C-alpha cells in the first residue's frame, strides 16, 4: 500500500505541474490578446464587403500590382487568402 501511496503522490505532483503550466499558458495568451487587432476577428464575409469598398470597379488585374486585390494581399496572410480567393474582387 505504501508503494501505491508513493505512486499516487508522484502522479498528483505531475498533475499539479501540468495544471500550473496550463494556467501559465492561459494567462500568457490572455495577456497578449490585445496584440491582435479587432479586424482579425471579422468574419470573412464582412472583410470581403470592406474590400469591395476599397477600389473602383471594374478592376483591371493587369494594370498594376499596387492596387486592388494585389495590394490587399500584401497586408497579411489572412487578407491575402481572402482577397485572392474571392472572385467578386477580380
PDB file of N, CA and C in Angstrom:
ATOM      1  N   UNK A   1       0.838  -1.188   0.000  1.00  0.00           N
ATOM      2  CA  UNK A   1       0.000   0.000   0.000  1.00  0.00           C
ATOM      3  C   UNK A   1       0.885   1.255   0.000  1.00  0.00           C
ATOM      4  N   UNK A   2       2.012   1.201   0.672  1.00  0.00           N
ATOM      5  CA  UNK A   2       2.925   2.342   0.714  1.00  0.00           C
ATOM      6  C   UNK A   2       3.441   2.674  -0.683  1.00  0.00           C
ATOM      7  N   UNK A   3       3.729   1.638  -1.467  1.00  0.00           N
ATOM      8  CA  UNK A   3       4.179   1.867  -2.847  1.00  0.00           C
ATOM      9  C   UNK A   3       3.103   2.554  -3.673  1.00  0.00           C
ATOM     10  N   UNK A   4       1.880   2.151  -3.492  1.00  0.00           N
ATOM     11  CA  UNK A   4       0.767   2.769  -4.204  1.00  0.00           C
ATOM     12  C   UNK A   4       0.588   4.220  -3.776  1.00  0.00           C
ATOM     13  N   UNK A   5       0.729   4.491  -2.492  1.00  0.00           N
ATOM     14  CA  UNK A   5       0.623   5.864  -1.998  1.00  0.00           C
ATOM     15  C   UNK A   5       1.709   6.748  -2.608  1.00  0.00           C
ATOM     16  N   UNK A   6       2.935   6.217  -2.712  1.00  0.00           N
ATOM     17  CA  UNK A   6       4.022   6.985  -3.316  1.00  0.00           C
ATOM     18  C   UNK A   6       3.737   7.239  -4.802  1.00  0.00           C
ATOM     19  N   UNK A   7       3.203   6.243  -5.464  1.00  0.00           N
ATOM     20  CA  UNK A   7       2.844   6.407  -6.883  1.00  0.00           C
ATOM     21  C   UNK A   7       1.770   7.477  -7.048  1.00  0.00           C
ATOM     22  N   UNK A   8       0.806   7.452  -6.161  1.00  0.00           N
ATOM     23  CA  UNK A   8      -0.260   8.461  -6.200  1.00  0.00           C
ATOM     24  C   UNK A   8       0.325   9.852  -5.959  1.00  0.00           C
ATOM     25  N   UNK A   9       1.228   9.986  -5.010  1.00  0.00           N
ATOM     26  CA  UNK A   9       1.857  11.278  -4.726  1.00  0.00           C
ATOM     27  C   UNK A   9       2.625  11.793  -5.937  1.00  0.00           C
ATOM     28  N   UNK A  10       3.349  10.899  -6.618  1.00  0.00           N
ATOM     29  CA  UNK A  10       4.094  11.298  -7.812  1.00  0.00           C
ATOM     30  C   UNK A  10       3.139  11.763  -8.915  1.00  0.00           C
ATOM     31  N   UNK A  11       2.060  11.014  -9.089  1.00  0.00           N
ATOM     32  CA  UNK A  11       1.083  11.379 -10.111  1.00  0.00           C
ATOM     33  C   UNK A  11       0.406  12.707  -9.793  1.00  0.00           C
ATOM     34  N   UNK A  12       0.093  12.903  -8.518  1.00  0.00           N
ATOM     35  CA  UNK A  12      -0.522  14.168  -8.116  1.00  0.00           C
ATOM     36  C   UNK A  12       0.436  15.336  -8.326  1.00  0.00           C
ATOM     37  N   UNK A  13       1.725  15.124  -8.054  1.00  0.00           N
ATOM     38  CA  UNK A  13       2.723  16.171  -8.284  1.00  0.00           C
ATOM     39  C   UNK A  13       2.841  16.476  -9.777  1.00  0.00           C
ATOM     40  N   UNK A  14       2.833  15.436 -10.587  1.00  0.00           N
ATOM     41  CA  UNK A  14       2.889  15.631 -12.042  1.00  0.00           C
ATOM     42  C   UNK A  14       1.656  16.373 -12.535  1.00  0.00           C
ATOM     43  N   UNK A  15       0.508  15.982 -12.041  1.00  0.00           N
ATOM     44  CA  UNK A  15      -0.736  16.642 -12.420  1.00  0.00           C
ATOM     45  C   UNK A  15      -0.715  18.109 -12.012  1.00  0.00           C
ATOM     46  N   UNK A  16      -0.239  18.399 -10.825  1.00  0.00           N
ATOM     47  CA  UNK A  16      -0.156  19.789 -10.364  1.00  0.00           C
ATOM     48  C   UNK A  16       0.772  20.602 -11.268  1.00  0.00           C
ATOM     49  N   UNK A  17       1.888  20.003 -11.698  1.00  0.00           N
ATOM     50  CA  UNK A  17       2.822  20.709 -12.582  1.00  0.00           C
ATOM     51  C   UNK A  17       2.186  20.988 -13.934  1.00  0.00           C
ATOM     52  N   UNK A  18       1.454  20.034 -14.466  1.00  0.00           N
ATOM     53  CA  UNK A  18       0.794  20.214 -15.756  1.00  0.00           C
ATOM     54  C   UNK A  18      -0.303  21.280 -15.647  1.00  0.00           C
ATOM     55  N   UNK A  19      -1.065  21.251 -14.553  1.00  0.00           N
ATOM     56  CA  UNK A  19      -2.101  22.268 -14.349  1.00  0.00           C
ATOM     57  C   UNK A  19      -1.489  23.660 -14.233  1.00  0.00           C
ATOM     58  N   UNK A  20      -0.354  23.754 -13.538  1.00  0.00           N
ATOM     59  CA  UNK A  20       0.320  25.047 -13.407  1.00  0.00           C
ATOM     60  C   UNK A  20       0.776  25.544 -14.774  1.00  0.00           C
ATOM     61  N   UNK A  21       1.340  24.659 -15.580  1.00  0.00           N
ATOM     62  CA  UNK A  21       1.787  25.043 -16.924  1.00  0.00           C
ATOM     63  C   UNK A  21       0.603  25.491 -17.786  1.00  0.00           C
ATOM     64  N   UNK A  22      -0.513  24.773 -17.676  1.00  0.00           N
ATOM     65  CA  UNK A  22      -1.721  25.161 -18.408  1.00  0.00           C
ATOM     66  C   UNK A  22      -2.194  26.544 -17.990  1.00  0.00           C
ATOM     67  N   UNK A  23      -2.239  26.797 -16.695  1.00  0.00           N
ATOM     68  CA  UNK A  23      -2.684  28.096 -16.197  1.00  0.00           C
ATOM     69  C   UNK A  23      -1.755  29.218 -16.649  1.00  0.00           C
ATOM     70  N   UNK A  24      -0.449  28.961 -16.666  1.00  0.00           N
ATOM     71  CA  UNK A  24       0.513  29.966 -17.131  1.00  0.00           C
ATOM     72  C   UNK A  24       0.337  30.242 -18.625  1.00  0.00           C
ATOM     73  N   UNK A  25       0.067  29.196 -19.379  1.00  0.00           N
ATOM     74  CA  UNK A  25      -0.154  29.361 -20.820  1.00  0.00           C
ATOM     75  C   UNK A  25      -1.416  30.165 -21.083  1.00  0.00           C
ATOM     76  N   UNK A  26      -2.467  29.885 -20.352  1.00  0.00           N
ATOM     77  CA  UNK A  26      -3.713  30.638 -20.498  1.00  0.00           C
ATOM     78  C   UNK A  26      -3.491  32.091 -20.120  1.00  0.00           C
ATOM     79  N   UNK A  27      -2.777  32.345 -19.043  1.00  0.00           N
ATOM     80  CA  UNK A  27      -2.500  33.711 -18.617  1.00  0.00           C
ATOM     81  C   UNK A  27      -1.678  34.455 -19.665  1.00  0.00           C
ATOM     82  N   UNK A  28      -0.698  33.786 -20.247  1.00  0.00           N
ATOM     83  CA  UNK A  28       0.126  34.391 -21.296  1.00  0.00           C
ATOM     84  C   UNK A  28      -0.735  34.744 -22.507  1.00  0.00           C
ATOM     85  N   UNK A  29      -1.564  33.786 -22.929  1.00  0.00           N
ATOM     86  CA  UNK A  29      -2.452  34.025 -24.072  1.00  0.00           C
ATOM     87  C   UNK A  29      -3.379  35.203 -23.802  1.00  0.00           C
ATOM     88  N   UNK A  30      -3.994  35.214 -22.638  1.00  0.00           N
ATOM     89  CA  UNK A  30      -4.937  36.271 -22.307  1.00  0.00           C
ATOM     90  C   UNK A  30      -4.265  37.640 -22.222  1.00  0.00           C
ATOM     91  N   UNK A  31      -3.018  37.670 -21.754  1.00  0.00           N
ATOM     92  CA  UNK A  31      -2.328  38.959 -21.645  1.00  0.00           C
ATOM     93  C   UNK A  31      -1.881  39.486 -22.999  1.00  0.00           C
ATOM     94  N   UNK A  32      -1.860  38.628 -24.016  1.00  0.00           N
ATOM     95  CA  UNK A  32      -1.417  39.054 -25.342  1.00  0.00           C
ATOM     96  C   UNK A  32      -2.554  39.175 -26.350  1.00  0.00           C
ATOM     97  N   UNK A  33      -3.775  38.953 -25.939  1.00  0.00           N
ATOM     98  CA  UNK A  33      -4.905  39.062 -26.859  1.00  0.00           C
ATOM     99  C   UNK A  33      -5.038  40.472 -27.423  1.00  0.00           C
ATOM    100  N   UNK A  34      -4.646  41.455 -26.653  1.00  0.00           N
ATOM    101  CA  UNK A  34      -4.762  42.839 -27.107  1.00  0.00           C
ATOM    102  C   UNK A  34      -3.840  43.124 -28.289  1.00  0.00           C
ATOM    103  N   UNK A  35      -2.860  42.272 -28.519  1.00  0.00           N
ATOM    104  CA  UNK A  35      -1.953  42.474 -29.638  1.00  0.00           C
ATOM    105  C   UNK A  35      -2.611  42.154 -30.976  1.00  0.00           C
ATOM    106  N   UNK A  36      -3.713  41.437 -30.942  1.00  0.00           N
ATOM    107  CA  UNK A  36      -4.414  41.089 -32.166  1.00  0.00           C
ATOM    108  C   UNK A  36      -5.499  42.115 -32.430  1.00  0.00           C
ATOM    109  N   UNK A  37      -5.360  42.881 -33.496  1.00  0.00           N
ATOM    110  CA  UNK A  37      -6.352  43.919 -33.792  1.00  0.00           C
ATOM    111  C   UNK A  37      -7.736  43.316 -34.031  1.00  0.00           C
ATOM    112  N   UNK A  38      -8.779  44.064 -33.708  1.00  0.00           N
ATOM    113  CA  UNK A  38     -10.149  43.565 -33.893  1.00  0.00           C
ATOM    114  C   UNK A  38     -10.455  43.186 -35.343  1.00  0.00           C
ATOM    115  N   UNK A  39      -9.768  43.795 -36.302  1.00  0.00           N
ATOM    116  CA  UNK A  39     -10.049  43.469 -37.703  1.00  0.00           C
ATOM    117  C   UNK A  39      -9.807  42.000 -37.997  1.00  0.00           C
ATOM    118  N   UNK A  40      -8.914  41.371 -37.247  1.00  0.00           N
ATOM    119  CA  UNK A  40      -8.636  39.958 -37.464  1.00  0.00           C
ATOM    120  C   UNK A  40      -9.752  39.060 -36.939  1.00  0.00           C
ATOM    121  N   UNK A  41     -10.681  39.648 -36.221  1.00  0.00           N
ATOM    122  CA  UNK A  41     -11.800  38.873 -35.692  1.00  0.00           C
ATOM    123  C   UNK A  41     -13.042  38.985 -36.569  1.00  0.00           C
ATOM    124  N   UNK A  42     -12.959  39.813 -37.618  1.00  0.00           N
ATOM    125  CA  UNK A  42     -14.107  39.980 -38.500  1.00  0.00           C
ATOM    126  C   UNK A  42     -14.360  38.714 -39.306  1.00  0.00           C
ATOM    127  N   UNK A  43     -15.631  38.385 -39.506  1.00  0.00           N
ATOM    128  CA  UNK A  43     -15.946  37.252 -40.382  1.00  0.00           C
ATOM    129  C   UNK A  43     -15.477  37.559 -41.804  1.00  0.00           C
ATOM    130  N   UNK A  44     -15.165  36.536 -42.545  1.00  0.00           N
ATOM    131  CA  UNK A  44     -14.671  36.690 -43.910  1.00  0.00           C
ATOM    132  C   UNK A  44     -15.640  37.491 -44.768  1.00  0.00           C
ATOM    133  N   UNK A  45     -16.931  37.255 -44.613  1.00  0.00           N
ATOM    134  CA  UNK A  45     -17.933  37.955 -45.428  1.00  0.00           C
ATOM    135  C   UNK A  45     -17.875  39.463 -45.207  1.00  0.00           C
ATOM    136  N   UNK A  46     -17.676  39.883 -43.964  1.00  0.00           N
ATOM    137  CA  UNK A  46     -17.585  41.315 -43.656  1.00  0.00           C
ATOM    138  C   UNK A  46     -16.301  41.893 -44.242  1.00  0.00           C
ATOM    139  N   UNK A  47     -15.222  41.157 -44.128  1.00  0.00           N
ATOM    140  CA  UNK A  47     -13.946  41.596 -44.690  1.00  0.00           C
ATOM    141  C   UNK A  47     -14.053  41.772 -46.204  1.00  0.00           C
ATOM    142  N   UNK A  48     -14.724  40.865 -46.874  1.00  0.00           N
ATOM    143  CA  UNK A  48     -14.925  40.974 -48.327  1.00  0.00           C
ATOM    144  C   UNK A  48     -15.717  42.229 -48.659  1.00  0.00           C
ATOM    145  N   UNK A  49     -16.748  42.513 -47.888  1.00  0.00           N
ATOM    146  CA  UNK A  49     -17.539  43.723 -48.142  1.00  0.00           C
ATOM    147  C   UNK A  49     -16.678  44.983 -47.984  1.00  0.00           C
ATOM    148  N   UNK A  50     -15.828  44.990 -46.986  1.00  0.00           N
ATOM    149  CA  UNK A  50     -14.917  46.125 -46.802  1.00  0.00           C
ATOM    150  C   UNK A  50     -13.966  46.219 -47.986  1.00  0.00           C
ATOM    151  N   UNK A  51     -13.454  45.090 -48.431  1.00  0.00           N
ATOM    152  CA  UNK A  51     -12.555  45.080 -49.585  1.00  0.00           C
ATOM    153  C   UNK A  51     -13.234  45.647 -50.823  1.00  0.00           C
ATOM    154  N   UNK A  52     -14.510  45.345 -51.001  1.00  0.00           N
ATOM    155  CA  UNK A  52     -15.252  45.860 -52.157  1.00  0.00           C
ATOM    156  C   UNK A  52     -15.289  47.387 -52.159  1.00  0.00           C
ATOM    157  N   UNK A  53     -15.222  47.978 -51.008  1.00  0.00           N
ATOM    158  CA  UNK A  53     -15.285  49.437 -50.913  1.00  0.00           C
ATOM    159  C   UNK A  53     -13.936  50.119 -51.126  1.00  0.00           C
ATOM    160  N   UNK A  54     -12.875  49.350 -51.259  1.00  0.00           N
ATOM    161  CA  UNK A  54     -11.539  49.939 -51.292  1.00  0.00           C
ATOM    162  C   UNK A  54     -11.031  50.330 -52.667  1.00  0.00           C
ATOM    163  N   UNK A  55     -11.640  49.821 -53.729  1.00  0.00           N
ATOM    164  CA  UNK A  55     -11.170  50.190 -55.060  1.00  0.00           C
ATOM    165  C   UNK A  55     -12.320  50.197 -56.050  1.00  0.00           C
ATOM    166  N   UNK A  56     -12.092  50.895 -57.156  1.00  0.00           N
ATOM    167  CA  UNK A  56     -13.134  51.064 -58.152  1.00  0.00           C
ATOM    168  C   UNK A  56     -13.342  49.805 -58.985  1.00  0.00           C
ATOM    169  N   UNK A  57     -14.549  49.634 -59.428  1.00  0.00           N
ATOM    170  CA  UNK A  57     -14.904  48.534 -60.323  1.00  0.00           C
ATOM    171  C   UNK A  57     -15.046  49.098 -61.724  1.00  0.00           C
ATOM    172  N   UNK A  58     -14.820  48.373 -62.762  1.00  0.00           N
ATOM    173  CA  UNK A  58     -14.166  47.076 -62.748  1.00  0.00           C
ATOM    174  C   UNK A  58     -12.672  47.230 -62.512  1.00  0.00           C
ATOM    175  N   UNK A  59     -12.093  46.248 -61.920  1.00  0.00           N
ATOM    176  CA  UNK A  59     -10.661  46.270 -61.628  1.00  0.00           C
ATOM    177  C   UNK A  59      -9.916  45.523 -62.722  1.00  0.00           C
ATOM    178  N   UNK A  60      -8.897  46.139 -63.258  1.00  0.00           N
ATOM    179  CA  UNK A  60      -8.082  45.514 -64.294  1.00  0.00           C
ATOM    180  C   UNK A  60      -6.904  44.820 -63.620  1.00  0.00           C
ATOM    181  N   UNK A  61      -6.915  43.510 -63.604  1.00  0.00           N
ATOM    182  CA  UNK A  61      -5.875  42.759 -62.906  1.00  0.00           C
ATOM    183  C   UNK A  61      -4.505  42.932 -63.540  1.00  0.00           C
ATOM    184  N   UNK A  62      -4.467  43.357 -64.791  1.00  0.00           N
ATOM    185  CA  UNK A  62      -3.185  43.509 -65.474  1.00  0.00           C
ATOM    186  C   UNK A  62      -2.629  44.921 -65.365  1.00  0.00           C
ATOM    187  N   UNK A  63      -3.394  45.837 -64.803  1.00  0.00           N
ATOM    188  CA  UNK A  63      -2.985  47.244 -64.741  1.00  0.00           C
ATOM    189  C   UNK A  63      -1.843  47.469 -63.756  1.00  0.00           C
ATOM    190  N   UNK A  64      -1.977  46.976 -62.552  1.00  0.00           N
ATOM    191  CA  UNK A  64      -0.960  47.243 -61.542  1.00  0.00           C
ATOM    192  C   UNK A  64      -1.064  46.239 -60.397  1.00  0.00           C
ATOM    193  N   UNK A  65       0.082  45.891 -59.856  1.00  0.00           N
ATOM    194  CA  UNK A  65       0.073  45.023 -58.672  1.00  0.00           C
ATOM    195  C   UNK A  65       0.070  45.865 -57.403  1.00  0.00           C
ATOM    196  N   UNK A  66      -0.077  47.166 -57.571  1.00  0.00           N
ATOM    197  CA  UNK A  66      -0.081  48.080 -56.416  1.00  0.00           C
ATOM    198  C   UNK A  66      -1.474  48.585 -56.074  1.00  0.00           C
ATOM    199  N   UNK A  67      -2.465  47.882 -56.544  1.00  0.00           N
ATOM    200  CA  UNK A  67      -3.835  48.273 -56.221  1.00  0.00           C
ATOM    201  C   UNK A  67      -4.719  47.038 -56.229  1.00  0.00           C
ATOM    202  N   UNK A  68      -5.960  47.234 -55.842  1.00  0.00           N
ATOM    203  CA  UNK A  68      -6.939  46.159 -55.852  1.00  0.00           C
ATOM    204  C   UNK A  68      -6.558  44.983 -54.973  1.00  0.00           C
ATOM    205  N   UNK A  69      -6.990  43.790 -55.363  1.00  0.00           N
ATOM    206  CA  UNK A  69      -6.716  42.587 -54.568  1.00  0.00           C
ATOM    207  C   UNK A  69      -5.226  42.326 -54.374  1.00  0.00           C
ATOM    208  N   UNK A  70      -4.410  42.724 -55.353  1.00  0.00           N
ATOM    209  CA  UNK A  70      -2.961  42.525 -55.198  1.00  0.00           C
ATOM    210  C   UNK A  70      -2.453  43.284 -53.978  1.00  0.00           C
ATOM    211  N   UNK A  71      -2.869  44.525 -53.844  1.00  0.00           N
ATOM    212  CA  UNK A  71      -2.431  45.346 -52.717  1.00  0.00           C
ATOM    213  C   UNK A  71      -2.983  44.814 -51.400  1.00  0.00           C
ATOM    214  N   UNK A  72      -4.251  44.447 -51.390  1.00  0.00           N
ATOM    215  CA  UNK A  72      -4.859  43.902 -50.172  1.00  0.00           C
ATOM    216  C   UNK A  72      -4.125  42.643 -49.727  1.00  0.00           C
ATOM    217  N   UNK A  73      -3.658  41.857 -50.673  1.00  0.00           N
ATOM    218  CA  UNK A  73      -2.953  40.626 -50.359  1.00  0.00           C
ATOM    219  C   UNK A  73      -1.592  40.836 -49.732  1.00  0.00           C
ATOM    220  N   UNK A  74      -1.100  42.054 -49.756  1.00  0.00           N
ATOM    221  CA  UNK A  74       0.211  42.344 -49.171  1.00  0.00           C
ATOM    222  C   UNK A  74       0.130  42.718 -47.694  1.00  0.00           C
ATOM    223  N   UNK A  75      -1.070  42.869 -47.174  1.00  0.00           N
ATOM    224  CA  UNK A  75      -1.234  43.300 -45.780  1.00  0.00           C
ATOM    225  C   UNK A  75      -0.868  42.190 -44.802  1.00  0.00           C
ATOM    226  N   UNK A  76      -1.474  41.037 -44.961  1.00  0.00           N
ATOM    227  CA  UNK A  76      -1.186  39.908 -44.081  1.00  0.00           C
ATOM    228  C   UNK A  76      -1.686  38.633 -44.740  1.00  0.00           C
ATOM    229  N   UNK A  77      -1.367  37.507 -44.166  1.00  0.00           N
ATOM    230  CA  UNK A  77      -1.727  36.210 -44.744  1.00  0.00           C
ATOM    231  C   UNK A  77      -3.238  36.054 -44.895  1.00  0.00           C
ATOM    232  N   UNK A  78      -3.979  36.431 -43.865  1.00  0.00           N
ATOM    233  CA  UNK A  78      -5.441  36.256 -43.934  1.00  0.00           C
ATOM    234  C   UNK A  78      -6.039  37.116 -45.036  1.00  0.00           C
ATOM    235  N   UNK A  79      -5.590  38.379 -45.120  1.00  0.00           N
ATOM    236  CA  UNK A  79      -6.119  39.257 -46.154  1.00  0.00           C
ATOM    237  C   UNK A  79      -5.783  38.712 -47.533  1.00  0.00           C
ATOM    238  N   UNK A  80      -4.583  38.167 -47.675  1.00  0.00           N
ATOM    239  CA  UNK A  80      -4.185  37.587 -48.963  1.00  0.00           C
ATOM    240  C   UNK A  80      -5.106  36.417 -49.318  1.00  0.00           C
ATOM    241  N   UNK A  81      -5.346  35.541 -48.367  1.00  0.00           N
ATOM    242  CA  UNK A  81      -6.214  34.389 -48.622  1.00  0.00           C
ATOM    243  C   UNK A  81      -7.618  34.840 -49.010  1.00  0.00           C
ATOM    244  N   UNK A  82      -8.133  35.840 -48.293  1.00  0.00           N
ATOM    245  CA  UNK A  82      -9.490  36.311 -48.567  1.00  0.00           C
ATOM    246  C   UNK A  82      -9.541  37.033 -49.908  1.00  0.00           C
ATOM    247  N   UNK A  83      -8.648  37.985 -50.115  1.00  0.00           N
ATOM    248  CA  UNK A  83      -8.680  38.800 -51.336  1.00  0.00           C
ATOM    249  C   UNK A  83      -8.426  37.966 -52.584  1.00  0.00           C
ATOM    250  N   UNK A  84      -7.484  37.076 -52.516  1.00  0.00           N
ATOM    251  CA  UNK A  84      -7.125  36.316 -53.707  1.00  0.00           C
ATOM    252  C   UNK A  84      -8.072  35.166 -54.003  1.00  0.00           C
ATOM    253  N   UNK A  85      -8.876  34.780 -53.004  1.00  0.00           N
ATOM    254  CA  UNK A  85      -9.797  33.671 -53.240  1.00  0.00           C
ATOM    255  C   UNK A  85     -11.232  34.129 -53.464  1.00  0.00           C
ATOM    256  N   UNK A  86     -11.446  35.432 -53.531  1.00  0.00           N
ATOM    257  CA  UNK A  86     -12.800  35.956 -53.702  1.00  0.00           C
ATOM    258  C   UNK A  86     -12.983  36.420 -55.154  1.00  0.00           C
ATOM    259  N   UNK A  87     -13.687  35.658 -55.976  1.00  0.00           N
ATOM    260  CA  UNK A  87     -13.842  36.010 -57.385  1.00  0.00           C
ATOM    261  C   UNK A  87     -14.499  37.371 -57.614  1.00  0.00           C
ATOM    262  N   UNK A  88     -15.367  37.781 -56.716  1.00  0.00           N
ATOM    263  CA  UNK A  88     -16.056  39.070 -56.922  1.00  0.00           C
ATOM    264  C   UNK A  88     -15.127  40.266 -56.826  1.00  0.00           C
ATOM    265  N   UNK A  89     -13.947  40.080 -56.252  1.00  0.00           N
ATOM    266  CA  UNK A  89     -12.986  41.185 -56.175  1.00  0.00           C
ATOM    267  C   UNK A  89     -12.218  41.362 -57.478  1.00  0.00           C
ATOM    268  N   UNK A  90     -12.185  40.337 -58.291  1.00  0.00           N
ATOM    269  CA  UNK A  90     -11.400  40.381 -59.523  1.00  0.00           C
ATOM    270  C   UNK A  90     -12.280  40.789 -60.675  1.00  0.00           C
TER     271      UNK A  90
END
